[in-house]
Structures are given as structure tokens and as C-alpha cells.
Amino acid sequence: MVRESRTDRLFMVGVYVLLATFLAVVLLPLLYILASSLSDPNAVSSGRVTFWPVDFTLRGFQVALSDPQILVGFGNSLFYTAVGTFVSVSLTLMLAYPLSRRDFVGGGLLTRLIVFTMLFGGGLIPTYLVVKSLGMIDTRWALIVPNAIAVWQVIIARTYLRHSIPRELFEAAEIDGASHFRVLWSIVLPLAKPMIAVIALVYAISNWNSYFDALLYLKSDDLYPLQLVLRNILILNTQSNGMDVATAMERQQLADLLKYSLIVISTVPVLLIYPFVARHFTKGLMIGSVKG
């Protein structure tokens, strides 16, 4: 057994202190939000809540879930997240696979053109005009198609496929007469599960948290995602025009409570997804790292 030197022990102590600090920075705000969502509105507004509920109540969740628009928005967000993630991952892999092949003619030029779009975009108004000209305004596809491919995810997928899958497998498949779609389905996808898990999680979180595109492209309430519904509820509960002081204060207290309850409601699905991809996540994060 190798005995650690004093320097090594001090280094490990510093590492554990740093990790504990990062954990506190991430965990304490989550505990505060959860405690506030389960506390009395008066305790939340007066700042008496720290990391444990004060005067425990489920009123915030009852008020939030009693609004039918919440359930509609929840279903819409599930649809946008599931379909959008499937479309994005599929298109990303279909684009990254040919770019990863060294025998693909023009792959270097196409990669440079794709990276160029990451650095320079058309802007908000031209993008809106393109979406409008395609007839996708006030449709579900307006939240799926315009942001279907993220350049950074294409680069990650291309790098993984080029450096993590042996070229000999592709050559053996070609000798056996396998088509490119057969190679992609039977060789690339089974071996690229860690990378697929990572980009799928990134796409899913992006689609779940997105609300600005819905604000731009959607007009019908029954198409709103959960994030936009929550925004509208918070704005509605903070308006105090024509109210007396007591009613305005009560509504403001309820708005403060709703804010934390809605954050918890919108965060739970993401927390439920993570355990299913966690076993792939560590390996996926090592994409492009130095191998020793």
C-alpha cells in the first residue's frame, strides 16, 4: 500500500473542501426553493423561511394545479420535449455520421460552414420571417424545427464517432456489403450510447426550459408550453390594479408562494430524467479527453 505524503493529503483536503463548496452552492438554493414552496405565504413574504418549511402547507401546489392550463401546458411541454429531442438527436446523428467519416468528400468544408453558423446567425427578425414563410406560426412545429440542430452537439457527436469507433469496424461492414444506414443503425448507434445519452439530455433540458420561442411564434393558449403558462400565471397574480391594499398584499404573498411552487413543478421532470442517463453521463463527458 502506497503511503500518501503530506502534500497529497493537503491536496485531497483542498479538493474535498472545493467539492463541498460547489455542492453547497448548488444544493442550498434548491432546499430554499423547496422549503418556500411548502411554507405559509406570510412566512415566505416576510423572509422567515431558510431551509426548512415554516407553517407547512400545500396551498401553493393546490392553487397551481387547480388551474387547468397548468395541465395543458405540462402535456404540451412533454410533447415538445419528447418529439423535439427525438428529432434533434436523429438529425444530429445523421449529420455527424458522414462528417466523422474520413473518406467523406467535402467533409472538412461542410464542417467549416456548419461552424460558421454557430458564430454568425441571421438574427431574430429574419428567423421569424422564415418561420412565418414556412407556415409554422402558431403550430407545434414552430418550437421543434427552427432549433432542431445545435452545432455544438453536432461537433460533439462527430468527434465521438471519429475517435471512439475503430475504422476497422466500418471497413469490415463495407466488405460485408452493409449500406451506410445499416452501419449507422447496427454499429454506430449501439456503440455511441454514452454520447447519445449526453446530447439527448442537453436537447431535452433545452426543449423543456424553452419559452422565448413560444412567446414569439404561438398565439393559441392550448399550444403554450408549461414555462410560458407559468410566466403568465405569475404575471396575472402580481397585477394589483384597482385592488385595496389588503387584497393586493394577499395576492403578492400568493404570487411569492406560487413562484416557488411552480419552480418545483417545472423542475421535477428534469430530475426524473437524469437517473436514467446518469450511468452514461460520465463516459459521455469524457468525449475528446486525452487518453493515456
C-alpha atoms as a PDB file:
ATOM      1  CA  MET A   1       0.000   0.000   0.000  1.00  0.00           C
ATOM      2  CA  VAL A   2       1.415   3.357  -1.081  1.00  0.00           C
ATOM      3  CA  ARG A   3       1.544   5.869   1.738  1.00  0.00           C
ATOM      4  CA  GLU A   4       0.327   9.331   0.841  1.00  0.00           C
ATOM      5  CA  SER A   5       2.624  12.248   1.501  1.00  0.00           C
ATOM      6  CA  ARG A   6       1.573  15.264   3.492  1.00  0.00           C
ATOM      7  CA  THR A   7       1.307  17.286   0.285  1.00  0.00           C
ATOM      8  CA  ASP A   8      -1.043  14.711  -1.240  1.00  0.00           C
ATOM      9  CA  ARG A   9      -3.237  14.720   1.869  1.00  0.00           C
ATOM     10  CA  LEU A  10      -3.421  18.514   1.869  1.00  0.00           C
ATOM     11  CA  PHE A  11      -4.291  18.428  -1.821  1.00  0.00           C
ATOM     12  CA  MET A  12      -7.129  15.949  -1.226  1.00  0.00           C
ATOM     13  CA  VAL A  13      -8.428  18.028   1.666  1.00  0.00           C
ATOM     14  CA  GLY A  14      -8.492  21.045  -0.633  1.00  0.00           C
ATOM     15  CA  VAL A  15     -10.325  19.002  -3.286  1.00  0.00           C
ATOM     16  CA  TYR A  16     -12.976  17.871  -0.797  1.00  0.00           C
ATOM     17  CA  VAL A  17     -13.423  21.414   0.520  1.00  0.00           C
ATOM     18  CA  LEU A  18     -13.831  22.729  -3.014  1.00  0.00           C
ATOM     19  CA  LEU A  19     -16.341  19.995  -3.915  1.00  0.00           C
ATOM     20  CA  ALA A  20     -18.273  20.605  -0.688  1.00  0.00           C
ATOM     21  CA  THR A  21     -18.414  24.310  -1.546  1.00  0.00           C
ATOM     22  CA  PHE A  22     -19.751  23.575  -5.022  1.00  0.00           C
ATOM     23  CA  LEU A  23     -22.314  21.174  -3.536  1.00  0.00           C
ATOM     24  CA  ALA A  24     -23.492  23.835  -1.085  1.00  0.00           C
ATOM     25  CA  VAL A  25     -23.773  26.442  -3.847  1.00  0.00           C
ATOM     26  CA  VAL A  26     -25.997  24.098  -5.855  1.00  0.00           C
ATOM     27  CA  LEU A  27     -27.930  22.356  -3.068  1.00  0.00           C
ATOM     28  CA  LEU A  28     -28.781  25.218  -0.703  1.00  0.00           C
ATOM     29  CA  PRO A  29     -30.813  27.244  -3.249  1.00  0.00           C
ATOM     30  CA  LEU A  30     -32.750  24.070  -4.131  1.00  0.00           C
ATOM     31  CA  LEU A  31     -33.507  23.433  -0.457  1.00  0.00           C
ATOM     32  CA  TYR A  32     -34.618  27.043  -0.018  1.00  0.00           C
ATOM     33  CA  ILE A  33     -36.957  26.836  -3.014  1.00  0.00           C
ATOM     34  CA  LEU A  34     -38.440  23.541  -1.806  1.00  0.00           C
ATOM     35  CA  ALA A  35     -38.891  24.862   1.740  1.00  0.00           C
ATOM     36  CA  SER A  36     -40.512  28.064   0.471  1.00  0.00           C
ATOM     37  CA  SER A  37     -42.940  26.113  -1.734  1.00  0.00           C
ATOM     38  CA  LEU A  38     -44.145  24.219   1.368  1.00  0.00           C
ATOM     39  CA  SER A  39     -44.401  27.231   3.687  1.00  0.00           C
ATOM     40  CA  ASP A  40     -47.150  29.674   4.578  1.00  0.00           C
ATOM     41  CA  PRO A  41     -47.366  32.648   2.147  1.00  0.00           C
ATOM     42  CA  ASN A  42     -46.925  35.132   5.004  1.00  0.00           C
ATOM     43  CA  ALA A  43     -43.729  33.361   6.131  1.00  0.00           C
ATOM     44  CA  VAL A  44     -42.362  33.403   2.586  1.00  0.00           C
ATOM     45  CA  SER A  45     -43.070  37.115   2.068  1.00  0.00           C
ATOM     46  CA  SER A  46     -41.644  38.071   5.470  1.00  0.00           C
ATOM     47  CA  GLY A  47     -38.392  36.201   4.798  1.00  0.00           C
ATOM     48  CA  ARG A  48     -38.717  33.775   7.728  1.00  0.00           C
ATOM     49  CA  VAL A  49     -38.046  30.708   5.555  1.00  0.00           C
ATOM     50  CA  THR A  50     -34.500  29.365   5.343  1.00  0.00           C
ATOM     51  CA  PHE A  51     -34.023  25.675   4.542  1.00  0.00           C
ATOM     52  CA  TRP A  52     -36.990  24.197   6.399  1.00  0.00           C
ATOM     53  CA  PRO A  53     -40.718  24.858   5.817  1.00  0.00           C
ATOM     54  CA  VAL A  54     -42.409  27.324   8.170  1.00  0.00           C
ATOM     55  CA  ASP A  55     -46.106  26.612   8.918  1.00  0.00           C
ATOM     56  CA  PHE A  56     -46.207  23.688   6.473  1.00  0.00           C
ATOM     57  CA  THR A  57     -48.864  23.970   3.765  1.00  0.00           C
ATOM     58  CA  LEU A  58     -49.545  22.661   0.262  1.00  0.00           C
ATOM     59  CA  ARG A  59     -51.548  25.712  -0.732  1.00  0.00           C
ATOM     60  CA  GLY A  60     -49.073  26.757  -3.422  1.00  0.00           C
ATOM     61  CA  PHE A  61     -49.306  23.413  -5.184  1.00  0.00           C
ATOM     62  CA  GLN A  62     -53.087  23.288  -4.752  1.00  0.00           C
ATOM     63  CA  VAL A  63     -53.540  26.709  -6.344  1.00  0.00           C
ATOM     64  CA  ALA A  64     -51.092  25.927  -9.150  1.00  0.00           C
ATOM     65  CA  LEU A  65     -52.525  22.511 -10.015  1.00  0.00           C
ATOM     66  CA  SER A  66     -56.117  23.739  -9.794  1.00  0.00           C
ATOM     67  CA  ASP A  67     -55.517  25.779 -12.931  1.00  0.00           C
ATOM     68  CA  PRO A  68     -56.383  23.524 -15.936  1.00  0.00           C
ATOM     69  CA  GLN A  69     -53.963  25.494 -18.096  1.00  0.00           C
ATOM     70  CA  ILE A  70     -51.128  24.055 -15.975  1.00  0.00           C
ATOM     71  CA  LEU A  71     -52.031  20.510 -17.020  1.00  0.00           C
ATOM     72  CA  VAL A  72     -52.377  21.564 -20.662  1.00  0.00           C
ATOM     73  CA  GLY A  73     -49.017  23.284 -20.550  1.00  0.00           C
ATOM     74  CA  PHE A  74     -47.459  20.263 -18.846  1.00  0.00           C
ATOM     75  CA  GLY A  75     -48.714  17.984 -21.606  1.00  0.00           C
ATOM     76  CA  ASN A  76     -47.518  20.392 -24.290  1.00  0.00           C
ATOM     77  CA  SER A  77     -44.052  20.591 -22.740  1.00  0.00           C
ATOM     78  CA  LEU A  78     -43.859  16.799 -22.598  1.00  0.00           C
ATOM     79  CA  PHE A  79     -44.759  16.674 -26.286  1.00  0.00           C
ATOM     80  CA  TYR A  80     -42.252  19.374 -27.273  1.00  0.00           C
ATOM     81  CA  THR A  81     -39.538  17.736 -25.192  1.00  0.00           C
ATOM     82  CA  ALA A  82     -40.118  14.159 -26.392  1.00  0.00           C
ATOM     83  CA  VAL A  83     -40.679  14.914 -30.076  1.00  0.00           C
ATOM     84  CA  GLY A  84     -38.147  17.729 -30.194  1.00  0.00           C
ATOM     85  CA  THR A  85     -35.444  15.605 -28.554  1.00  0.00           C
ATOM     86  CA  PHE A  86     -36.120  12.673 -30.894  1.00  0.00           C
ATOM     87  CA  VAL A  87     -35.981  14.915 -33.972  1.00  0.00           C
ATOM     88  CA  SER A  88     -32.882  16.753 -32.773  1.00  0.00           C
ATOM     89  CA  VAL A  89     -30.930  13.614 -31.849  1.00  0.00           C
ATOM     90  CA  SER A  90     -31.887  11.911 -35.120  1.00  0.00           C
ATOM     91  CA  LEU A  91     -30.849  14.857 -37.288  1.00  0.00           C
ATOM     92  CA  THR A  92     -27.670  15.410 -35.265  1.00  0.00           C
ATOM     93  CA  LEU A  93     -26.558  11.802 -35.738  1.00  0.00           C
ATOM     94  CA  MET A  94     -27.427  11.808 -39.442  1.00  0.00           C
ATOM     95  CA  LEU A  95     -25.325  14.928 -39.892  1.00  0.00           C
ATOM     96  CA  ALA A  96     -22.461  13.909 -37.598  1.00  0.00           C
ATOM     97  CA  TYR A  97     -22.010  10.406 -39.054  1.00  0.00           C
ATOM     98  CA  PRO A  98     -20.922  11.428 -42.583  1.00  0.00           C
ATOM     99  CA  LEU A  99     -18.792  14.244 -41.160  1.00  0.00           C
ATOM    100  CA  SER A 100     -16.990  11.711 -38.969  1.00  0.00           C
ATOM    101  CA  ARG A 101     -16.004   9.565 -41.957  1.00  0.00           C
ATOM    102  CA  ARG A 102     -12.524  10.423 -43.210  1.00  0.00           C
ATOM    103  CA  ASP A 103     -13.437   9.273 -46.725  1.00  0.00           C
ATOM    104  CA  PHE A 104     -16.365  11.702 -46.971  1.00  0.00           C
ATOM    105  CA  VAL A 105     -15.506  14.135 -49.774  1.00  0.00           C
ATOM    106  CA  GLY A 106     -16.018  17.761 -48.749  1.00  0.00           C
ATOM    107  CA  GLY A 107     -16.451  16.903 -45.094  1.00  0.00           C
ATOM    108  CA  GLY A 108     -13.908  19.485 -43.952  1.00  0.00           C
ATOM    109  CA  LEU A 109     -15.551  22.286 -45.940  1.00  0.00           C
ATOM    110  CA  LEU A 110     -19.025  21.312 -44.732  1.00  0.00           C
ATOM    111  CA  THR A 111     -17.790  21.259 -41.131  1.00  0.00           C
ATOM    112  CA  ARG A 112     -16.398  24.787 -41.507  1.00  0.00           C
ATOM    113  CA  LEU A 113     -19.698  26.004 -42.953  1.00  0.00           C
ATOM    114  CA  ILE A 114     -21.606  24.440 -40.054  1.00  0.00           C
ATOM    115  CA  VAL A 115     -19.279  26.045 -37.502  1.00  0.00           C
ATOM    116  CA  PHE A 116     -19.765  29.371 -39.286  1.00  0.00           C
ATOM    117  CA  THR A 117     -23.484  29.229 -38.478  1.00  0.00           C
ATOM    118  CA  MET A 118     -22.592  28.871 -34.795  1.00  0.00           C
ATOM    119  CA  LEU A 119     -20.602  32.115 -34.890  1.00  0.00           C
ATOM    120  CA  PHE A 120     -22.884  34.151 -37.139  1.00  0.00           C
ATOM    121  CA  GLY A 121     -26.685  33.938 -37.194  1.00  0.00           C
ATOM    122  CA  GLY A 122     -29.360  35.605 -39.271  1.00  0.00           C
ATOM    123  CA  GLY A 123     -30.948  37.370 -36.326  1.00  0.00           C
ATOM    124  CA  LEU A 124     -34.352  37.359 -34.676  1.00  0.00           C
ATOM    125  CA  ILE A 125     -36.409  39.100 -37.357  1.00  0.00           C
ATOM    126  CA  PRO A 126     -35.089  37.083 -40.342  1.00  0.00           C
ATOM    127  CA  THR A 127     -35.645  33.875 -38.382  1.00  0.00           C
ATOM    128  CA  TYR A 128     -39.211  34.911 -37.608  1.00  0.00           C
ATOM    129  CA  LEU A 129     -39.840  35.699 -41.286  1.00  0.00           C
ATOM    130  CA  VAL A 130     -38.506  32.280 -42.317  1.00  0.00           C
ATOM    131  CA  VAL A 131     -40.746  30.522 -39.794  1.00  0.00           C
ATOM    132  CA  LYS A 132     -43.706  32.590 -40.999  1.00  0.00           C
ATOM    133  CA  SER A 133     -42.992  31.868 -44.677  1.00  0.00           C
ATOM    134  CA  LEU A 134     -42.941  28.138 -43.898  1.00  0.00           C
ATOM    135  CA  GLY A 135     -46.417  28.398 -42.374  1.00  0.00           C
ATOM    136  CA  MET A 136     -45.345  27.284 -38.917  1.00  0.00           C
ATOM    137  CA  ILE A 137     -46.614  30.283 -36.927  1.00  0.00           C
ATOM    138  CA  ASP A 138     -48.991  29.142 -34.177  1.00  0.00           C
ATOM    139  CA  THR A 139     -48.169  25.463 -34.780  1.00  0.00           C
ATOM    140  CA  ARG A 140     -46.284  22.934 -32.693  1.00  0.00           C
ATOM    141  CA  TRP A 141     -43.586  22.654 -35.345  1.00  0.00           C
ATOM    142  CA  ALA A 142     -42.518  26.240 -34.673  1.00  0.00           C
ATOM    143  CA  LEU A 143     -40.957  25.032 -31.413  1.00  0.00           C
ATOM    144  CA  ILE A 144     -39.350  21.929 -32.928  1.00  0.00           C
ATOM    145  CA  VAL A 145     -37.985  22.684 -36.401  1.00  0.00           C
ATOM    146  CA  PRO A 146     -36.144  26.054 -36.052  1.00  0.00           C
ATOM    147  CA  ASN A 147     -33.892  24.794 -33.245  1.00  0.00           C
ATOM    148  CA  ALA A 148     -33.769  21.141 -34.267  1.00  0.00           C
ATOM    149  CA  ILE A 149     -29.973  21.056 -34.647  1.00  0.00           C
ATOM    150  CA  ALA A 150     -27.410  22.584 -32.301  1.00  0.00           C
ATOM    151  CA  VAL A 151     -23.990  22.987 -33.903  1.00  0.00           C
ATOM    152  CA  TRP A 152     -22.153  22.243 -30.681  1.00  0.00           C
ATOM    153  CA  GLN A 153     -23.926  18.899 -30.334  1.00  0.00           C
ATOM    154  CA  VAL A 154     -23.013  18.048 -33.935  1.00  0.00           C
ATOM    155  CA  ILE A 155     -19.354  18.745 -33.155  1.00  0.00           C
ATOM    156  CA  ILE A 156     -19.505  16.544 -30.030  1.00  0.00           C
ATOM    157  CA  ALA A 157     -21.161  13.705 -31.964  1.00  0.00           C
ATOM    158  CA  ARG A 158     -18.718  13.992 -34.868  1.00  0.00           C
ATOM    159  CA  THR A 159     -15.713  13.949 -32.532  1.00  0.00           C
ATOM    160  CA  TYR A 160     -17.009  10.908 -30.652  1.00  0.00           C
ATOM    161  CA  LEU A 161     -17.801   8.910 -33.781  1.00  0.00           C
ATOM    162  CA  ARG A 162     -14.436   9.696 -35.376  1.00  0.00           C
ATOM    163  CA  HIS A 163     -12.196   8.923 -32.404  1.00  0.00           C
ATOM    164  CA  SER A 164     -14.131   6.354 -30.355  1.00  0.00           C
ATOM    165  CA  ILE A 165     -15.284   3.879 -33.008  1.00  0.00           C
ATOM    166  CA  PRO A 166     -12.494   1.941 -34.782  1.00  0.00           C
ATOM    167  CA  ARG A 167     -12.257   2.449 -38.527  1.00  0.00           C
ATOM    168  CA  GLU A 168     -11.832  -1.304 -38.922  1.00  0.00           C
ATOM    169  CA  LEU A 169     -15.485  -1.807 -37.980  1.00  0.00           C
ATOM    170  CA  PHE A 170     -16.614   0.437 -40.819  1.00  0.00           C
ATOM    171  CA  GLU A 171     -14.272  -1.295 -43.250  1.00  0.00           C
ATOM    172  CA  ALA A 172     -15.486  -4.750 -42.179  1.00  0.00           C
ATOM    173  CA  ALA A 173     -19.092  -3.665 -42.600  1.00  0.00           C
ATOM    174  CA  GLU A 174     -18.390  -2.302 -46.069  1.00  0.00           C
ATOM    175  CA  ILE A 175     -16.720  -5.564 -47.064  1.00  0.00           C
ATOM    176  CA  ASP A 176     -19.856  -7.420 -45.924  1.00  0.00           C
ATOM    177  CA  GLY A 177     -21.915  -5.147 -48.158  1.00  0.00           C
ATOM    178  CA  ALA A 178     -23.622  -3.114 -45.435  1.00  0.00           C
ATOM    179  CA  SER A 179     -25.096   0.213 -46.505  1.00  0.00           C
ATOM    180  CA  HIS A 180     -24.392   3.447 -44.629  1.00  0.00           C
ATOM    181  CA  PHE A 181     -27.828   3.311 -42.977  1.00  0.00           C
ATOM    182  CA  ARG A 182     -27.119  -0.272 -41.905  1.00  0.00           C
ATOM    183  CA  VAL A 183     -23.767   0.789 -40.458  1.00  0.00           C
ATOM    184  CA  LEU A 184     -25.390   3.691 -38.652  1.00  0.00           C
ATOM    185  CA  TRP A 185     -28.144   1.518 -37.187  1.00  0.00           C
ATOM    186  CA  SER A 186     -26.201  -1.651 -36.339  1.00  0.00           C
ATOM    187  CA  ILE A 187     -22.743  -0.311 -35.449  1.00  0.00           C
ATOM    188  CA  VAL A 188     -22.780   3.386 -34.671  1.00  0.00           C
ATOM    189  CA  LEU A 189     -25.907   3.616 -32.512  1.00  0.00           C
ATOM    190  CA  PRO A 190     -25.077   0.670 -30.168  1.00  0.00           C
ATOM    191  CA  LEU A 191     -21.522   1.925 -29.645  1.00  0.00           C
ATOM    192  CA  ALA A 192     -22.493   5.578 -29.236  1.00  0.00           C
ATOM    193  CA  LYS A 193     -24.971   5.208 -26.364  1.00  0.00           C
ATOM    194  CA  PRO A 194     -22.951   7.367 -23.907  1.00  0.00           C
ATOM    195  CA  MET A 195     -22.710  10.202 -26.409  1.00  0.00           C
ATOM    196  CA  ILE A 196     -26.360   9.870 -27.416  1.00  0.00           C
ATOM    197  CA  ALA A 197     -27.389   9.998 -23.755  1.00  0.00           C
ATOM    198  CA  VAL A 198     -25.444  13.224 -23.246  1.00  0.00           C
ATOM    199  CA  ILE A 199     -26.769  15.082 -26.288  1.00  0.00           C
ATOM    200  CA  ALA A 200     -30.296  13.778 -25.668  1.00  0.00           C
ATOM    201  CA  LEU A 201     -30.204  15.124 -22.111  1.00  0.00           C
ATOM    202  CA  VAL A 202     -28.933  18.502 -23.321  1.00  0.00           C
ATOM    203  CA  TYR A 203     -31.609  18.713 -26.003  1.00  0.00           C
ATOM    204  CA  ALA A 204     -34.333  17.587 -23.573  1.00  0.00           C
ATOM    205  CA  ILE A 205     -33.421  20.186 -20.948  1.00  0.00           C
ATOM    206  CA  SER A 206     -33.232  22.898 -23.603  1.00  0.00           C
ATOM    207  CA  ASN A 207     -36.649  21.978 -25.007  1.00  0.00           C
ATOM    208  CA  TRP A 208     -38.212  21.705 -21.549  1.00  0.00           C
ATOM    209  CA  ASN A 209     -36.939  25.104 -20.371  1.00  0.00           C
ATOM    210  CA  SER A 210     -37.604  26.943 -23.637  1.00  0.00           C
ATOM    211  CA  TYR A 211     -40.269  29.629 -23.538  1.00  0.00           C
ATOM    212  CA  PHE A 212     -38.983  32.504 -25.703  1.00  0.00           C
ATOM    213  CA  ASP A 213     -39.742  30.746 -28.997  1.00  0.00           C
ATOM    214  CA  ALA A 214     -43.264  30.016 -27.756  1.00  0.00           C
ATOM    215  CA  LEU A 215     -43.619  33.680 -26.844  1.00  0.00           C
ATOM    216  CA  LEU A 216     -42.682  34.615 -30.420  1.00  0.00           C
ATOM    217  CA  TYR A 217     -44.427  32.008 -32.524  1.00  0.00           C
ATOM    218  CA  LEU A 218     -47.509  30.837 -30.593  1.00  0.00           C
ATOM    219  CA  LYS A 219     -50.830  32.642 -30.226  1.00  0.00           C
ATOM    220  CA  SER A 220     -53.165  29.871 -29.036  1.00  0.00           C
ATOM    221  CA  ASP A 221     -53.291  29.159 -25.302  1.00  0.00           C
ATOM    222  CA  ASP A 222     -53.765  25.437 -25.902  1.00  0.00           C
ATOM    223  CA  LEU A 223     -50.315  25.261 -27.533  1.00  0.00           C
ATOM    224  CA  TYR A 224     -48.400  27.047 -24.773  1.00  0.00           C
ATOM    225  CA  PRO A 225     -45.635  25.046 -23.057  1.00  0.00           C
ATOM    226  CA  LEU A 226     -45.504  24.868 -19.286  1.00  0.00           C
ATOM    227  CA  GLN A 227     -42.831  27.569 -18.946  1.00  0.00           C
ATOM    228  CA  LEU A 228     -44.967  30.140 -20.757  1.00  0.00           C
ATOM    229  CA  VAL A 229     -48.050  29.141 -18.757  1.00  0.00           C
ATOM    230  CA  LEU A 230     -46.127  29.614 -15.510  1.00  0.00           C
ATOM    231  CA  ARG A 231     -44.915  33.012 -16.675  1.00  0.00           C
ATOM    232  CA  ASN A 232     -48.476  34.131 -17.439  1.00  0.00           C
ATOM    233  CA  ILE A 233     -49.751  32.881 -14.072  1.00  0.00           C
ATOM    234  CA  LEU A 234     -47.060  34.792 -12.196  1.00  0.00           C
ATOM    235  CA  ILE A 235     -47.777  37.982 -14.132  1.00  0.00           C
ATOM    236  CA  LEU A 236     -51.524  37.614 -13.536  1.00  0.00           C
ATOM    237  CA  ASN A 237     -51.064  37.118  -9.800  1.00  0.00           C
ATOM    238  CA  THR A 238     -48.803  40.148  -9.413  1.00  0.00           C
ATOM    239  CA  GLN A 239     -51.194  42.628 -11.035  1.00  0.00           C
ATOM    240  CA  SER A 240     -52.911  44.798  -8.440  1.00  0.00           C
ATOM    241  CA  ASN A 241     -54.811  47.370 -10.491  1.00  0.00           C
ATOM    242  CA  GLY A 242     -57.988  48.535  -8.720  1.00  0.00           C
ATOM    243  CA  MET A 243     -57.394  46.485  -5.555  1.00  0.00           C
ATOM    244  CA  ASP A 244     -57.328  47.659  -1.980  1.00  0.00           C
ATOM    245  CA  VAL A 245     -54.090  47.354  -0.006  1.00  0.00           C
ATOM    246  CA  ALA A 246     -55.061  44.201   1.897  1.00  0.00           C
ATOM    247  CA  THR A 247     -56.126  42.348  -1.237  1.00  0.00           C
ATOM    248  CA  ALA A 248     -53.017  43.487  -3.089  1.00  0.00           C
ATOM    249  CA  MET A 249     -50.769  42.284  -0.260  1.00  0.00           C
ATOM    250  CA  GLU A 250     -52.535  38.927  -0.110  1.00  0.00           C
ATOM    251  CA  ARG A 251     -52.167  38.487  -3.842  1.00  0.00           C
ATOM    252  CA  GLN A 252     -48.494  39.433  -3.672  1.00  0.00           C
ATOM    253  CA  GLN A 253     -47.929  36.870  -0.921  1.00  0.00           C
ATOM    254  CA  LEU A 254     -49.681  34.231  -3.020  1.00  0.00           C
ATOM    255  CA  ALA A 255     -47.559  35.206  -6.022  1.00  0.00           C
ATOM    256  CA  ASP A 256     -44.394  34.732  -3.973  1.00  0.00           C
ATOM    257  CA  LEU A 257     -45.580  31.296  -2.865  1.00  0.00           C
ATOM    258  CA  LEU A 258     -46.645  30.346  -6.391  1.00  0.00           C
ATOM    259  CA  LYS A 259     -43.257  31.346  -7.741  1.00  0.00           C
ATOM    260  CA  TYR A 260     -41.505  28.696  -5.683  1.00  0.00           C
ATOM    261  CA  SER A 261     -44.220  26.065  -6.157  1.00  0.00           C
ATOM    262  CA  LEU A 262     -44.129  26.491  -9.927  1.00  0.00           C
ATOM    263  CA  ILE A 263     -40.346  26.232  -9.947  1.00  0.00           C
ATOM    264  CA  VAL A 264     -40.615  22.878  -8.165  1.00  0.00           C
ATOM    265  CA  ILE A 265     -43.323  21.671 -10.565  1.00  0.00           C
ATOM    266  CA  SER A 266     -41.263  22.589 -13.616  1.00  0.00           C
ATOM    267  CA  THR A 267     -38.055  21.087 -12.193  1.00  0.00           C
ATOM    268  CA  VAL A 268     -39.339  17.650 -11.172  1.00  0.00           C
ATOM    269  CA  PRO A 269     -39.477  16.138 -14.718  1.00  0.00           C
ATOM    270  CA  VAL A 270     -35.834  17.031 -15.371  1.00  0.00           C
ATOM    271  CA  LEU A 271     -34.810  15.464 -12.058  1.00  0.00           C
ATOM    272  CA  LEU A 272     -36.710  12.302 -13.005  1.00  0.00           C
ATOM    273  CA  ILE A 273     -34.955  12.027 -16.379  1.00  0.00           C
ATOM    274  CA  TYR A 274     -31.413  12.306 -15.064  1.00  0.00           C
ATOM    275  CA  PRO A 275     -31.158   8.916 -13.241  1.00  0.00           C
ATOM    276  CA  PHE A 276     -31.907   7.066 -16.487  1.00  0.00           C
ATOM    277  CA  VAL A 277     -28.947   8.648 -18.295  1.00  0.00           C
ATOM    278  CA  ALA A 278     -26.588   9.078 -15.332  1.00  0.00           C
ATOM    279  CA  ARG A 279     -24.762   5.791 -15.994  1.00  0.00           C
ATOM    280  CA  HIS A 280     -23.870   7.016 -19.488  1.00  0.00           C
ATOM    281  CA  PHE A 281     -23.186  10.593 -18.472  1.00  0.00           C
ATOM    282  CA  THR A 282     -19.682  10.160 -17.017  1.00  0.00           C
ATOM    283  CA  LYS A 283     -18.398   8.317 -20.054  1.00  0.00           C
ATOM    284  CA  GLY A 284     -20.087  10.777 -22.367  1.00  0.00           C
ATOM    285  CA  LEU A 285     -18.419  13.710 -20.641  1.00  0.00           C
ATOM    286  CA  MET A 286     -15.006  12.184 -21.458  1.00  0.00           C
ATOM    287  CA  ILE A 287     -15.557  12.777 -25.165  1.00  0.00           C
ATOM    288  CA  GLY A 288     -12.448  14.387 -26.617  1.00  0.00           C
ATOM    289  CA  SER A 289     -10.363  13.909 -23.469  1.00  0.00           C
ATOM    290  CA  VAL A 290      -6.741  12.844 -23.558  1.00  0.00           C
ATOM    291  CA  LYS A 291      -6.429   9.062 -23.484  1.00  0.00           C
ATOM    292  CA  GLY A 292      -3.487   7.619 -21.572  1.00  0.00           C
END
